[in-house]
Amino acid sequence: MAPTIRPVPIEISRAMARRFLVLRHLLAPPRALPAEPESVLRVVERLGFLQFDPLEVPGARNHDLVRAA
């Protein structure tokens, strides 16, 4: 039986993790993509999926609910 290869976890700072996610989601530099439908398609292709949750909860904004989930 072949030995199991396990990934080695690495530690990174919060700032580095934040920088990675901002770059990965095409948010840096700000307004880097032109405001056109092709830009939306480019982001969805890069991310692989898009989740849209239109919610109307009194006293709560959608992005606050997503962050709290």
N, C-alpha and C. Protein backbone atom coordinates (compact mmCIF):
# COMPACT_ATOMS: atom_id res chain seq x y z
N MET A 1 0.84 -1.19 0.00
CA MET A 1 0.00 0.00 0.00
C MET A 1 0.88 1.25 0.00
N ALA A 2 0.57 2.19 -0.88
CA ALA A 2 1.36 3.41 -1.00
C ALA A 2 1.12 4.32 0.20
N PRO A 3 2.15 5.03 0.61
CA PRO A 3 1.97 5.96 1.73
C PRO A 3 1.05 7.12 1.34
N THR A 4 0.31 7.61 2.32
CA THR A 4 -0.59 8.73 2.10
C THR A 4 0.20 10.03 2.13
N ILE A 5 0.00 10.84 1.11
CA ILE A 5 0.67 12.15 1.06
C ILE A 5 -0.29 13.19 1.60
N ARG A 6 0.12 13.86 2.63
CA ARG A 6 -0.73 14.87 3.26
C ARG A 6 -0.15 16.26 3.04
N PRO A 7 -1.00 17.22 2.70
CA PRO A 7 -0.49 18.58 2.53
C PRO A 7 0.00 19.15 3.86
N VAL A 8 1.04 19.92 3.79
CA VAL A 8 1.60 20.54 4.99
C VAL A 8 0.97 21.92 5.14
N PRO A 9 0.27 22.16 6.26
CA PRO A 9 -0.33 23.49 6.45
C PRO A 9 0.76 24.54 6.65
N ILE A 10 0.48 25.72 6.14
CA ILE A 10 1.40 26.84 6.34
C ILE A 10 0.67 27.94 7.08
N GLU A 11 1.40 28.75 7.77
CA GLU A 11 0.80 29.88 8.47
C GLU A 11 1.13 31.16 7.71
N ILE A 12 0.09 31.97 7.51
CA ILE A 12 0.28 33.27 6.87
C ILE A 12 -0.42 34.32 7.72
N SER A 13 0.01 35.53 7.55
CA SER A 13 -0.59 36.62 8.33
C SER A 13 -1.98 36.96 7.77
N ARG A 14 -2.75 37.65 8.56
CA ARG A 14 -4.06 38.11 8.09
C ARG A 14 -3.92 39.05 6.90
N ALA A 15 -2.92 39.90 6.95
CA ALA A 15 -2.70 40.84 5.85
C ALA A 15 -2.39 40.10 4.56
N MET A 16 -1.57 39.06 4.64
CA MET A 16 -1.23 38.29 3.44
C MET A 16 -2.46 37.53 2.92
N ALA A 17 -3.25 36.98 3.82
CA ALA A 17 -4.48 36.27 3.41
C ALA A 17 -5.44 37.25 2.74
N ARG A 18 -5.58 38.43 3.32
CA ARG A 18 -6.46 39.45 2.75
C ARG A 18 -5.97 39.87 1.36
N ARG A 19 -4.67 40.07 1.22
CA ARG A 19 -4.09 40.46 -0.06
C ARG A 19 -4.34 39.37 -1.12
N PHE A 20 -4.15 38.11 -0.73
CA PHE A 20 -4.39 37.00 -1.65
C PHE A 20 -5.84 36.98 -2.12
N LEU A 21 -6.80 37.11 -1.19
CA LEU A 21 -8.21 37.05 -1.56
C LEU A 21 -8.61 38.24 -2.44
N VAL A 22 -8.11 39.41 -2.12
CA VAL A 22 -8.43 40.59 -2.94
C VAL A 22 -7.92 40.41 -4.37
N LEU A 23 -6.70 39.92 -4.50
CA LEU A 23 -6.15 39.68 -5.84
C LEU A 23 -6.89 38.55 -6.55
N ARG A 24 -7.20 37.50 -5.83
CA ARG A 24 -7.88 36.33 -6.42
C ARG A 24 -9.26 36.69 -6.95
N HIS A 25 -9.95 37.60 -6.27
CA HIS A 25 -11.29 38.00 -6.66
C HIS A 25 -11.31 39.20 -7.61
N LEU A 26 -10.13 39.52 -8.15
CA LEU A 26 -9.99 40.60 -9.13
C LEU A 26 -10.45 41.96 -8.59
N LEU A 27 -10.17 42.20 -7.31
CA LEU A 27 -10.57 43.46 -6.69
C LEU A 27 -9.41 44.44 -6.56
N ALA A 28 -8.23 44.04 -7.01
CA ALA A 28 -7.08 44.94 -6.95
C ALA A 28 -6.41 44.97 -8.31
N PRO A 29 -6.02 46.10 -8.78
CA PRO A 29 -6.32 47.41 -8.20
C PRO A 29 -7.80 47.74 -8.36
N PRO A 30 -8.32 48.64 -7.53
CA PRO A 30 -9.73 49.01 -7.63
C PRO A 30 -10.09 49.47 -9.04
N ARG A 31 -11.24 49.09 -9.47
CA ARG A 31 -11.77 49.46 -10.79
C ARG A 31 -10.84 49.00 -11.93
N ALA A 32 -10.19 47.86 -11.73
CA ALA A 32 -9.26 47.35 -12.73
C ALA A 32 -9.98 46.86 -13.99
N LEU A 33 -11.20 46.41 -13.83
CA LEU A 33 -11.97 45.93 -14.97
C LEU A 33 -12.93 47.00 -15.45
N PRO A 34 -13.12 47.11 -16.76
CA PRO A 34 -14.06 48.10 -17.27
C PRO A 34 -15.50 47.73 -16.90
N ALA A 35 -16.37 48.72 -16.79
CA ALA A 35 -17.77 48.50 -16.43
C ALA A 35 -18.54 48.03 -17.66
N GLU A 36 -18.46 46.74 -17.92
CA GLU A 36 -19.16 46.17 -19.08
C GLU A 36 -19.48 44.70 -18.79
N PRO A 37 -20.46 44.13 -19.48
CA PRO A 37 -20.88 42.75 -19.22
C PRO A 37 -19.74 41.73 -19.31
N GLU A 38 -18.78 41.94 -20.20
CA GLU A 38 -17.67 41.01 -20.33
C GLU A 38 -16.84 40.93 -19.05
N SER A 39 -16.79 42.01 -18.30
CA SER A 39 -16.05 42.01 -17.04
C SER A 39 -16.73 41.10 -16.02
N VAL A 40 -18.04 41.14 -15.98
CA VAL A 40 -18.79 40.26 -15.07
C VAL A 40 -18.52 38.81 -15.44
N LEU A 41 -18.56 38.49 -16.70
CA LEU A 41 -18.28 37.13 -17.15
C LEU A 41 -16.86 36.71 -16.79
N ARG A 42 -15.93 37.61 -16.91
CA ARG A 42 -14.54 37.30 -16.57
C ARG A 42 -14.40 36.94 -15.09
N VAL A 43 -15.07 37.70 -14.23
CA VAL A 43 -15.01 37.43 -12.79
C VAL A 43 -15.66 36.08 -12.48
N VAL A 44 -16.81 35.80 -13.06
CA VAL A 44 -17.49 34.53 -12.80
C VAL A 44 -16.63 33.37 -13.30
N GLU A 45 -16.01 33.52 -14.46
CA GLU A 45 -15.12 32.48 -14.96
C GLU A 45 -13.94 32.26 -14.02
N ARG A 46 -13.42 33.33 -13.47
CA ARG A 46 -12.28 33.24 -12.56
C ARG A 46 -12.67 32.56 -11.25
N LEU A 47 -13.85 32.95 -10.70
CA LEU A 47 -14.29 32.40 -9.42
C LEU A 47 -14.90 31.01 -9.57
N GLY A 48 -15.51 30.75 -10.71
CA GLY A 48 -16.12 29.44 -10.93
C GLY A 48 -17.60 29.40 -10.66
N PHE A 49 -18.10 30.35 -9.90
CA PHE A 49 -19.54 30.40 -9.60
C PHE A 49 -19.89 31.77 -9.07
N LEU A 50 -21.19 32.03 -9.00
CA LEU A 50 -21.68 33.30 -8.48
C LEU A 50 -22.91 33.00 -7.64
N GLN A 51 -22.94 33.48 -6.42
CA GLN A 51 -24.09 33.29 -5.55
C GLN A 51 -24.80 34.62 -5.39
N PHE A 52 -26.09 34.61 -5.65
CA PHE A 52 -26.90 35.82 -5.56
C PHE A 52 -28.01 35.55 -4.57
N ASP A 53 -28.05 36.28 -3.48
CA ASP A 53 -29.04 36.08 -2.43
C ASP A 53 -29.84 37.35 -2.18
N PRO A 54 -30.88 37.58 -2.95
CA PRO A 54 -31.71 38.77 -2.67
C PRO A 54 -32.61 38.52 -1.46
N LEU A 55 -32.29 39.14 -0.35
CA LEU A 55 -33.06 38.96 0.88
C LEU A 55 -33.62 40.30 1.33
N GLU A 56 -34.77 40.25 1.91
CA GLU A 56 -35.37 41.45 2.49
C GLU A 56 -35.73 41.14 3.95
N VAL A 57 -34.75 41.35 4.83
CA VAL A 57 -34.98 41.12 6.25
C VAL A 57 -35.00 42.48 6.92
N PRO A 58 -36.08 42.80 7.62
CA PRO A 58 -36.15 44.12 8.27
C PRO A 58 -34.97 44.36 9.20
N GLY A 59 -34.30 45.48 9.02
CA GLY A 59 -33.21 45.85 9.91
C GLY A 59 -31.87 45.21 9.57
N ALA A 60 -31.80 44.44 8.50
CA ALA A 60 -30.52 43.80 8.15
C ALA A 60 -30.26 43.95 6.66
N ARG A 61 -29.02 44.23 6.36
CA ARG A 61 -28.63 44.33 4.95
C ARG A 61 -28.06 42.98 4.52
N ASN A 62 -28.21 42.67 3.24
CA ASN A 62 -27.81 41.37 2.73
C ASN A 62 -26.35 41.03 3.05
N HIS A 63 -25.43 41.97 2.81
CA HIS A 63 -24.02 41.65 3.03
C HIS A 63 -23.71 41.43 4.50
N ASP A 64 -24.49 42.05 5.41
CA ASP A 64 -24.30 41.79 6.83
C ASP A 64 -24.73 40.37 7.18
N LEU A 65 -25.82 39.90 6.56
CA LEU A 65 -26.30 38.54 6.81
C LEU A 65 -25.31 37.51 6.29
N VAL A 66 -24.76 37.74 5.11
CA VAL A 66 -23.80 36.80 4.52
C VAL A 66 -22.57 36.72 5.40
N ARG A 67 -22.07 37.85 5.86
CA ARG A 67 -20.88 37.88 6.71
C ARG A 67 -21.13 37.16 8.03
N ALA A 68 -22.34 37.23 8.56
CA ALA A 68 -22.65 36.60 9.83
C ALA A 68 -22.93 35.11 9.71
N ALA A 69 -23.15 34.64 8.48
CA ALA A 69 -23.49 33.21 8.28
C ALA A 69 -22.32 32.31 8.57
